[in-house]
Amino acid sequence: MADLSMQMKDYRLTTAQIIYHLPDHVNLLQEYIWQEYDIAPEYPTLRKFLDFWVDKIEGKLHSVYVAKKEIITPGDYRFADWQGTLQ
C-alpha cells in the first residue's frame, strides 16, 4: 500500500546506471545500479545520493543514465475473463 500512496504524491520508481572510474585504475570503468522511489524530473533523492557520492566516495563519476517507471500503470490491471463459484 505504501507504493500506491507514494504514487499519489508523484513518486516513480527510478533506476540510475552510474558509471564511475575505479580509484586505483582510472582508465577502468565500473557500473553501479541505484534504485529508489523519486520524483521526476527533479529527482531530489538521486541528486542527494550523487552529492554524497562526489563528497564521500573516491570513484570519480563518468556518467549517469536515468530511467523511470510509474508504479502502477493501466496495463497492470485487467478484468477477469471468468467468474464462477466453486462448491
PDB file of N, CA and C in Angstrom:
ATOM      1  N   MET A   1       0.819  -1.198   0.000  1.00  0.00           N
ATOM      2  CA  MET A   1       0.000   0.000   0.000  1.00  0.00           C
ATOM      3  C   MET A   1       0.860   1.257   0.000  1.00  0.00           C
ATOM      4  N   ALA A   2       2.063   1.172   0.516  1.00  0.00           N
ATOM      5  CA  ALA A   2       2.939   2.338   0.538  1.00  0.00           C
ATOM      6  C   ALA A   2       3.271   2.783  -0.880  1.00  0.00           C
ATOM      7  N   ASP A   3       3.400   1.823  -1.814  1.00  0.00           N
ATOM      8  CA  ASP A   3       3.703   2.180  -3.192  1.00  0.00           C
ATOM      9  C   ASP A   3       2.595   3.035  -3.796  1.00  0.00           C
ATOM     10  N   LEU A   4       1.359   2.691  -3.526  1.00  0.00           N
ATOM     11  CA  LEU A   4       0.235   3.448  -4.062  1.00  0.00           C
ATOM     12  C   LEU A   4       0.204   4.847  -3.470  1.00  0.00           C
ATOM     13  N   SER A   5       0.416   4.972  -2.172  1.00  0.00           N
ATOM     14  CA  SER A   5       0.395   6.303  -1.554  1.00  0.00           C
ATOM     15  C   SER A   5       1.544   7.161  -2.068  1.00  0.00           C
ATOM     16  N   MET A   6       2.684   6.537  -2.375  1.00  0.00           N
ATOM     17  CA  MET A   6       3.800   7.297  -2.926  1.00  0.00           C
ATOM     18  C   MET A   6       3.484   7.758  -4.346  1.00  0.00           C
ATOM     19  N   GLN A   7       2.816   6.915  -5.133  1.00  0.00           N
ATOM     20  CA  GLN A   7       2.475   7.311  -6.494  1.00  0.00           C
ATOM     21  C   GLN A   7       1.492   8.472  -6.474  1.00  0.00           C
ATOM     22  N   MET A   8       0.620   8.500  -5.497  1.00  0.00           N
ATOM     23  CA  MET A   8      -0.324   9.606  -5.385  1.00  0.00           C
ATOM     24  C   MET A   8       0.408  10.923  -5.150  1.00  0.00           C
ATOM     25  N   LYS A   9       1.624  10.856  -4.629  1.00  0.00           N
ATOM     26  CA  LYS A   9       2.439  12.051  -4.391  1.00  0.00           C
ATOM     27  C   LYS A   9       3.447  12.260  -5.521  1.00  0.00           C
ATOM     28  N   ASP A  10       3.195  11.649  -6.686  1.00  0.00           N
ATOM     29  CA  ASP A  10       4.024  11.786  -7.893  1.00  0.00           C
ATOM     30  C   ASP A  10       5.383  11.113  -7.815  1.00  0.00           C
ATOM     31  N   TYR A  11       5.563  10.178  -6.911  1.00  0.00           N
ATOM     32  CA  TYR A  11       6.805   9.403  -6.886  1.00  0.00           C
ATOM     33  C   TYR A  11       6.758   8.342  -7.973  1.00  0.00           C
ATOM     34  N   ARG A  12       7.916   8.038  -8.544  1.00  0.00           N
ATOM     35  CA  ARG A  12       8.045   6.996  -9.561  1.00  0.00           C
ATOM     36  C   ARG A  12       9.248   6.132  -9.213  1.00  0.00           C
ATOM     37  N   LEU A  13       9.193   4.873  -9.590  1.00  0.00           N
ATOM     38  CA  LEU A  13      10.337   4.003  -9.399  1.00  0.00           C
ATOM     39  C   LEU A  13      11.428   4.467 -10.353  1.00  0.00           C
ATOM     40  N   THR A  14      12.569   4.865  -9.812  1.00  0.00           N
ATOM     41  CA  THR A  14      13.658   5.442 -10.595  1.00  0.00           C
ATOM     42  C   THR A  14      14.878   4.540 -10.497  1.00  0.00           C
ATOM     43  N   THR A  15      15.465   4.245 -11.641  1.00  0.00           N
ATOM     44  CA  THR A  15      16.679   3.443 -11.702  1.00  0.00           C
ATOM     45  C   THR A  15      17.759   4.277 -12.361  1.00  0.00           C
ATOM     46  N   ALA A  16      18.939   4.306 -11.746  1.00  0.00           N
ATOM     47  CA  ALA A  16      20.064   5.042 -12.308  1.00  0.00           C
ATOM     48  C   ALA A  16      21.226   4.086 -12.517  1.00  0.00           C
ATOM     49  N   GLN A  17      21.788   4.117 -13.716  1.00  0.00           N
ATOM     50  CA  GLN A  17      23.007   3.373 -14.020  1.00  0.00           C
ATOM     51  C   GLN A  17      24.149   4.373 -13.863  1.00  0.00           C
ATOM     52  N   ILE A  18      24.968   4.156 -12.858  1.00  0.00           N
ATOM     53  CA  ILE A  18      26.065   5.070 -12.548  1.00  0.00           C
ATOM     54  C   ILE A  18      27.364   4.422 -13.016  1.00  0.00           C
ATOM     55  N   ILE A  19      28.043   5.095 -13.918  1.00  0.00           N
ATOM     56  CA  ILE A  19      29.334   4.625 -14.422  1.00  0.00           C
ATOM     57  C   ILE A  19      30.406   5.512 -13.777  1.00  0.00           C
ATOM     58  N   TYR A  20      31.408   4.880 -13.174  1.00  0.00           N
ATOM     59  CA  TYR A  20      32.440   5.656 -12.490  1.00  0.00           C
ATOM     60  C   TYR A  20      33.813   5.044 -12.726  1.00  0.00           C
ATOM     61  N   HIS A  21      34.845   5.873 -12.526  1.00  0.00           N
ATOM     62  CA  HIS A  21      36.231   5.435 -12.673  1.00  0.00           C
ATOM     63  C   HIS A  21      36.670   4.737 -11.393  1.00  0.00           C
ATOM     64  N   LEU A  22      37.384   3.626 -11.525  1.00  0.00           N
ATOM     65  CA  LEU A  22      37.948   2.966 -10.349  1.00  0.00           C
ATOM     66  C   LEU A  22      39.030   3.868  -9.756  1.00  0.00           C
ATOM     67  N   PRO A  23      39.065   4.040  -8.451  1.00  0.00           N
ATOM     68  CA  PRO A  23      40.041   4.945  -7.841  1.00  0.00           C
ATOM     69  C   PRO A  23      41.500   4.562  -8.119  1.00  0.00           C
ATOM     70  N   ASP A  24      41.820   3.277  -8.089  1.00  0.00           N
ATOM     71  CA  ASP A  24      43.207   2.837  -8.273  1.00  0.00           C
ATOM     72  C   ASP A  24      43.589   2.651  -9.736  1.00  0.00           C
ATOM     73  N   HIS A  25      42.581   2.532 -10.605  1.00  0.00           N
ATOM     74  CA  HIS A  25      42.825   2.307 -12.034  1.00  0.00           C
ATOM     75  C   HIS A  25      41.877   3.227 -12.812  1.00  0.00           C
ATOM     76  N   VAL A  26      42.277   4.477 -12.973  1.00  0.00           N
ATOM     77  CA  VAL A  26      41.367   5.491 -13.523  1.00  0.00           C
ATOM     78  C   VAL A  26      40.962   5.224 -14.972  1.00  0.00           C
ATOM     79  N   ASN A  27      41.669   4.354 -15.673  1.00  0.00           N
ATOM     80  CA  ASN A  27      41.296   4.024 -17.050  1.00  0.00           C
ATOM     81  C   ASN A  27      40.213   2.953 -17.121  1.00  0.00           C
ATOM     82  N   LEU A  28      39.884   2.342 -15.984  1.00  0.00           N
ATOM     83  CA  LEU A  28      38.839   1.321 -15.936  1.00  0.00           C
ATOM     84  C   LEU A  28      37.550   1.921 -15.394  1.00  0.00           C
ATOM     85  N   LEU A  29      36.439   1.485 -15.966  1.00  0.00           N
ATOM     86  CA  LEU A  29      35.126   1.946 -15.518  1.00  0.00           C
ATOM     87  C   LEU A  29      34.394   0.816 -14.813  1.00  0.00           C
ATOM     88  N   GLN A  30      33.594   1.191 -13.833  1.00  0.00           N
ATOM     89  CA  GLN A  30      32.766   0.251 -13.078  1.00  0.00           C
ATOM     90  C   GLN A  30      31.337   0.752 -13.136  1.00  0.00           C
ATOM     91  N   GLU A  31      30.390  -0.170 -12.990  1.00  0.00           N
ATOM     92  CA  GLU A  31      28.980   0.185 -13.037  1.00  0.00           C
ATOM     93  C   GLU A  31      28.333  -0.055 -11.672  1.00  0.00           C
ATOM     94  N   TYR A  32      27.457   0.867 -11.285  1.00  0.00           N
ATOM     95  CA  TYR A  32      26.673   0.727 -10.058  1.00  0.00           C
ATOM     96  C   TYR A  32      25.222   1.029 -10.417  1.00  0.00           C
ATOM     97  N   ILE A  33      24.296   0.171  -9.996  1.00  0.00           N
ATOM     98  CA  ILE A  33      22.870   0.379 -10.262  1.00  0.00           C
ATOM     99  C   ILE A  33      22.207   0.846  -8.968  1.00  0.00           C
ATOM    100  N   TRP A  34      21.527   1.978  -9.058  1.00  0.00           N
ATOM    101  CA  TRP A  34      20.829   2.575  -7.915  1.00  0.00           C
ATOM    102  C   TRP A  34      19.344   2.576  -8.240  1.00  0.00           C
ATOM    103  N   GLN A  35      18.496   2.201  -7.267  1.00  0.00           N
ATOM    104  CA  GLN A  35      17.056   2.186  -7.497  1.00  0.00           C
ATOM    105  C   GLN A  35      16.338   2.654  -6.247  1.00  0.00           C
ATOM    106  N   GLU A  36      15.403   3.578  -6.442  1.00  0.00           N
ATOM    107  CA  GLU A  36      14.674   4.159  -5.320  1.00  0.00           C
ATOM    108  C   GLU A  36      13.434   4.861  -5.879  1.00  0.00           C
ATOM    109  N   TYR A  37      12.483   5.166  -5.019  1.00  0.00           N
ATOM    110  CA  TYR A  37      11.340   5.978  -5.428  1.00  0.00           C
ATOM    111  C   TYR A  37      11.774   7.429  -5.416  1.00  0.00           C
ATOM    112  N   ASP A  38      11.443   8.170  -6.491  1.00  0.00           N
ATOM    113  CA  ASP A  38      11.874   9.554  -6.612  1.00  0.00           C
ATOM    114  C   ASP A  38      10.857  10.322  -7.442  1.00  0.00           C
ATOM    115  N   ILE A  39      10.989  11.635  -7.451  1.00  0.00           N
ATOM    116  CA  ILE A  39      10.063  12.499  -8.163  1.00  0.00           C
ATOM    117  C   ILE A  39      10.749  13.033  -9.424  1.00  0.00           C
ATOM    118  N   ALA A  40      10.188  12.696 -10.595  1.00  0.00           N
ATOM    119  CA  ALA A  40      10.733  13.196 -11.863  1.00  0.00           C
ATOM    120  C   ALA A  40      10.128  14.564 -12.154  1.00  0.00           C
ATOM    121  N   PRO A  41      10.781  15.456 -12.832  1.00  0.00           N
ATOM    122  CA  PRO A  41      12.108  15.356 -13.425  1.00  0.00           C
ATOM    123  C   PRO A  41      13.220  15.912 -12.543  1.00  0.00           C
ATOM    124  N   GLU A  42      12.907  16.379 -11.330  1.00  0.00           N
ATOM    125  CA  GLU A  42      13.940  16.965 -10.472  1.00  0.00           C
ATOM    126  C   GLU A  42      14.830  15.916  -9.813  1.00  0.00           C
ATOM    127  N   TYR A  43      14.281  14.760  -9.480  1.00  0.00           N
ATOM    128  CA  TYR A  43      14.989  13.655  -8.843  1.00  0.00           C
ATOM    129  C   TYR A  43      15.762  14.102  -7.598  1.00  0.00           C
ATOM    130  N   PRO A  44      15.080  14.609  -6.587  1.00  0.00           N
ATOM    131  CA  PRO A  44      15.798  15.085  -5.394  1.00  0.00           C
ATOM    132  C   PRO A  44      16.535  13.985  -4.636  1.00  0.00           C
ATOM    133  N   THR A  45      15.986  12.792  -4.579  1.00  0.00           N
ATOM    134  CA  THR A  45      16.646  11.690  -3.863  1.00  0.00           C
ATOM    135  C   THR A  45      17.906  11.255  -4.599  1.00  0.00           C
ATOM    136  N   LEU A  46      17.832  11.147  -5.913  1.00  0.00           N
ATOM    137  CA  LEU A  46      19.010  10.786  -6.703  1.00  0.00           C
ATOM    138  C   LEU A  46      20.077  11.869  -6.610  1.00  0.00           C
ATOM    139  N   ARG A  47      19.686  13.133  -6.679  1.00  0.00           N
ATOM    140  CA  ARG A  47      20.657  14.226  -6.573  1.00  0.00           C
ATOM    141  C   ARG A  47      21.363  14.201  -5.212  1.00  0.00           C
ATOM    142  N   LYS A  48      20.603  13.908  -4.171  1.00  0.00           N
ATOM    143  CA  LYS A  48      21.200  13.815  -2.832  1.00  0.00           C
ATOM    144  C   LYS A  48      22.221  12.676  -2.795  1.00  0.00           C
ATOM    145  N   PHE A  49      21.880  11.529  -3.399  1.00  0.00           N
ATOM    146  CA  PHE A  49      22.802  10.403  -3.439  1.00  0.00           C
ATOM    147  C   PHE A  49      24.051  10.743  -4.245  1.00  0.00           C
ATOM    148  N   LEU A  50      23.888  11.406  -5.393  1.00  0.00           N
ATOM    149  CA  LEU A  50      25.045  11.776  -6.214  1.00  0.00           C
ATOM    150  C   LEU A  50      25.931  12.810  -5.521  1.00  0.00           C
ATOM    151  N   ASP A  51      25.317  13.738  -4.773  1.00  0.00           N
ATOM    152  CA  ASP A  51      26.112  14.695  -3.985  1.00  0.00           C
ATOM    153  C   ASP A  51      26.931  13.958  -2.928  1.00  0.00           C
ATOM    154  N   PHE A  52      26.309  12.963  -2.281  1.00  0.00           N
ATOM    155  CA  PHE A  52      27.034  12.132  -1.314  1.00  0.00           C
ATOM    156  C   PHE A  52      28.195  11.417  -1.995  1.00  0.00           C
ATOM    157  N   TRP A  53      27.936  10.869  -3.180  1.00  0.00           N
ATOM    158  CA  TRP A  53      28.965  10.140  -3.935  1.00  0.00           C
ATOM    159  C   TRP A  53      30.172  11.046  -4.194  1.00  0.00           C
ATOM    160  N   VAL A  54      29.915  12.238  -4.692  1.00  0.00           N
ATOM    161  CA  VAL A  54      31.001  13.168  -5.027  1.00  0.00           C
ATOM    162  C   VAL A  54      31.794  13.551  -3.785  1.00  0.00           C
ATOM    163  N   ASP A  55      31.102  13.744  -2.654  1.00  0.00           N
ATOM    164  CA  ASP A  55      31.766  14.177  -1.413  1.00  0.00           C
ATOM    165  C   ASP A  55      32.514  13.055  -0.704  1.00  0.00           C
ATOM    166  N   LYS A  56      31.977  11.836  -0.708  1.00  0.00           N
ATOM    167  CA  LYS A  56      32.491  10.783   0.175  1.00  0.00           C
ATOM    168  C   LYS A  56      33.143   9.591  -0.514  1.00  0.00           C
ATOM    169  N   ILE A  57      32.881   9.374  -1.812  1.00  0.00           N
ATOM    170  CA  ILE A  57      33.380   8.180  -2.482  1.00  0.00           C
ATOM    171  C   ILE A  57      34.494   8.574  -3.444  1.00  0.00           C
ATOM    172  N   GLU A  58      35.544   7.783  -3.470  1.00  0.00           N
ATOM    173  CA  GLU A  58      36.727   8.127  -4.256  1.00  0.00           C
ATOM    174  C   GLU A  58      36.538   7.976  -5.761  1.00  0.00           C
ATOM    175  N   GLY A  59      35.659   7.115  -6.209  1.00  0.00           N
ATOM    176  CA  GLY A  59      35.479   6.886  -7.642  1.00  0.00           C
ATOM    177  C   GLY A  59      34.832   8.073  -8.328  1.00  0.00           C
ATOM    178  N   LYS A  60      35.543   8.714  -9.256  1.00  0.00           N
ATOM    179  CA  LYS A  60      35.027   9.869  -9.979  1.00  0.00           C
ATOM    180  C   LYS A  60      33.931   9.437 -10.948  1.00  0.00           C
ATOM    181  N   LEU A  61      32.814  10.169 -10.948  1.00  0.00           N
ATOM    182  CA  LEU A  61      31.694   9.835 -11.822  1.00  0.00           C
ATOM    183  C   LEU A  61      32.066  10.044 -13.290  1.00  0.00           C
ATOM    184  N   HIS A  62      31.669   9.100 -14.113  1.00  0.00           N
ATOM    185  CA  HIS A  62      31.854   9.206 -15.560  1.00  0.00           C
ATOM    186  C   HIS A  62      30.540   9.624 -16.217  1.00  0.00           C
ATOM    187  N   SER A  63      29.447   8.896 -15.908  1.00  0.00           N
ATOM    188  CA  SER A  63      28.141   9.208 -16.477  1.00  0.00           C
ATOM    189  C   SER A  63      27.041   8.585 -15.625  1.00  0.00           C
ATOM    190  N   VAL A  64      25.845   9.147 -15.759  1.00  0.00           N
ATOM    191  CA  VAL A  64      24.674   8.642 -15.042  1.00  0.00           C
ATOM    192  C   VAL A  64      23.514   8.588 -16.037  1.00  0.00           C
ATOM    193  N   TYR A  65      22.908   7.417 -16.174  1.00  0.00           N
ATOM    194  CA  TYR A  65      21.742   7.228 -17.034  1.00  0.00           C
ATOM    195  C   TYR A  65      20.546   6.945 -16.133  1.00  0.00           C
ATOM    196  N   VAL A  66      19.436   7.641 -16.390  1.00  0.00           N
ATOM    197  CA  VAL A  66      18.268   7.547 -15.517  1.00  0.00           C
ATOM    198  C   VAL A  66      17.063   7.041 -16.307  1.00  0.00           C
ATOM    199  N   ALA A  67      16.327   6.114 -15.691  1.00  0.00           N
ATOM    200  CA  ALA A  67      15.062   5.629 -16.246  1.00  0.00           C
ATOM    201  C   ALA A  67      14.023   5.669 -15.135  1.00  0.00           C
ATOM    202  N   LYS A  68      12.776   5.941 -15.515  1.00  0.00           N
ATOM    203  CA  LYS A  68      11.711   5.963 -14.518  1.00  0.00           C
ATOM    204  C   LYS A  68      10.545   5.121 -14.995  1.00  0.00           C
ATOM    205  N   LYS A  69       9.762   4.647 -14.055  1.00  0.00           N
ATOM    206  CA  LYS A  69       8.597   3.818 -14.366  1.00  0.00           C
ATOM    207  C   LYS A  69       7.503   4.141 -13.371  1.00  0.00           C
ATOM    208  N   GLU A  70       6.305   4.416 -13.880  1.00  0.00           N
ATOM    209  CA  GLU A  70       5.187   4.630 -12.987  1.00  0.00           C
ATOM    210  C   GLU A  70       4.968   3.352 -12.182  1.00  0.00           C
ATOM    211  N   ILE A  71       4.608   3.501 -10.945  1.00  0.00           N
ATOM    212  CA  ILE A  71       4.461   2.346 -10.066  1.00  0.00           C
ATOM    213  C   ILE A  71       3.286   1.479 -10.507  1.00  0.00           C
ATOM    214  N   ILE A  72       2.180   2.110 -10.824  1.00  0.00           N
ATOM    215  CA  ILE A  72       1.008   1.372 -11.284  1.00  0.00           C
ATOM    216  C   ILE A  72       0.591   1.965 -12.617  1.00  0.00           C
ATOM    217  N   THR A  73       0.479   1.129 -13.628  1.00  0.00           N
ATOM    218  CA  THR A  73       0.086   1.582 -14.955  1.00  0.00           C
ATOM    219  C   THR A  73      -1.204   0.884 -15.362  1.00  0.00           C
ATOM    220  N   PRO A  74      -1.907   1.408 -16.377  1.00  0.00           N
ATOM    221  CA  PRO A  74      -3.156   0.761 -16.799  1.00  0.00           C
ATOM    222  C   PRO A  74      -2.966  -0.701 -17.205  1.00  0.00           C
ATOM    223  N   GLY A  75      -1.808  -1.058 -17.730  1.00  0.00           N
ATOM    224  CA  GLY A  75      -1.571  -2.441 -18.138  1.00  0.00           C
ATOM    225  C   GLY A  75      -1.420  -3.407 -16.978  1.00  0.00           C
ATOM    226  N   ASP A  76      -1.280  -2.896 -15.762  1.00  0.00           N
ATOM    227  CA  ASP A  76      -1.138  -3.764 -14.595  1.00  0.00           C
ATOM    228  C   ASP A  76      -2.467  -4.365 -14.159  1.00  0.00           C
ATOM    229  N   TYR A  77      -3.580  -3.791 -14.590  1.00  0.00           N
ATOM    230  CA  TYR A  77      -4.894  -4.256 -14.180  1.00  0.00           C
ATOM    231  C   TYR A  77      -5.706  -4.654 -15.405  1.00  0.00           C
ATOM    232  N   ARG A  78      -6.504  -5.706 -15.254  1.00  0.00           N
ATOM    233  CA  ARG A  78      -7.419  -6.102 -16.315  1.00  0.00           C
ATOM    234  C   ARG A  78      -8.606  -6.819 -15.672  1.00  0.00           C
ATOM    235  N   PHE A  79      -9.693  -6.859 -16.409  1.00  0.00           N
ATOM    236  CA  PHE A  79     -10.894  -7.511 -15.913  1.00  0.00           C
ATOM    237  C   PHE A  79     -10.736  -9.024 -15.991  1.00  0.00           C
ATOM    238  N   ALA A  80     -11.399  -9.709 -15.101  1.00  0.00           N
ATOM    239  CA  ALA A  80     -11.357 -11.178 -15.104  1.00  0.00           C
ATOM    240  C   ALA A  80     -12.115 -11.699 -16.325  1.00  0.00           C
ATOM    241  N   ASP A  81     -11.584 -12.769 -16.913  1.00  0.00           N
ATOM    242  CA  ASP A  81     -12.239 -13.402 -18.064  1.00  0.00           C
ATOM    243  C   ASP A  81     -13.341 -14.369 -17.648  1.00  0.00           C
ATOM    244  N   TRP A  82     -13.320 -14.779 -16.385  1.00  0.00           N
ATOM    245  CA  TRP A  82     -14.259 -15.794 -15.917  1.00  0.00           C
ATOM    246  C   TRP A  82     -14.660 -15.466 -14.482  1.00  0.00           C
ATOM    247  N   GLN A  83     -15.903 -15.696 -14.201  1.00  0.00           N
ATOM    248  CA  GLN A  83     -16.388 -15.535 -12.827  1.00  0.00           C
ATOM    249  C   GLN A  83     -17.279 -16.714 -12.525  1.00  0.00           C
ATOM    250  N   GLY A  84     -17.046 -17.352 -11.398  1.00  0.00           N
ATOM    251  CA  GLY A  84     -17.844 -18.520 -11.045  1.00  0.00           C
ATOM    252  C   GLY A  84     -17.753 -18.809  -9.564  1.00  0.00           C
ATOM    253  N   THR A  85     -18.476 -19.835  -9.155  1.00  0.00           N
ATOM    254  CA  THR A  85     -18.492 -20.257  -7.757  1.00  0.00           C
ATOM    255  C   THR A  85     -18.095 -21.714  -7.678  1.00  0.00           C
ATOM    256  N   LEU A  86     -17.192 -22.028  -6.781  1.00  0.00           N
ATOM    257  CA  LEU A  86     -16.811 -23.417  -6.539  1.00  0.00           C
ATOM    258  C   LEU A  86     -17.522 -23.906  -5.295  1.00  0.00           C
ATOM    259  N   GLN A  87     -18.089 -25.122  -5.395  1.00  0.00           N
ATOM    260  CA  GLN A  87     -18.798 -25.660  -4.232  1.00  0.00           C
ATOM    261  C   GLN A  87     -18.243 -26.983  -3.834  1.00  0.00           C
TER     262      GLN A  87
END
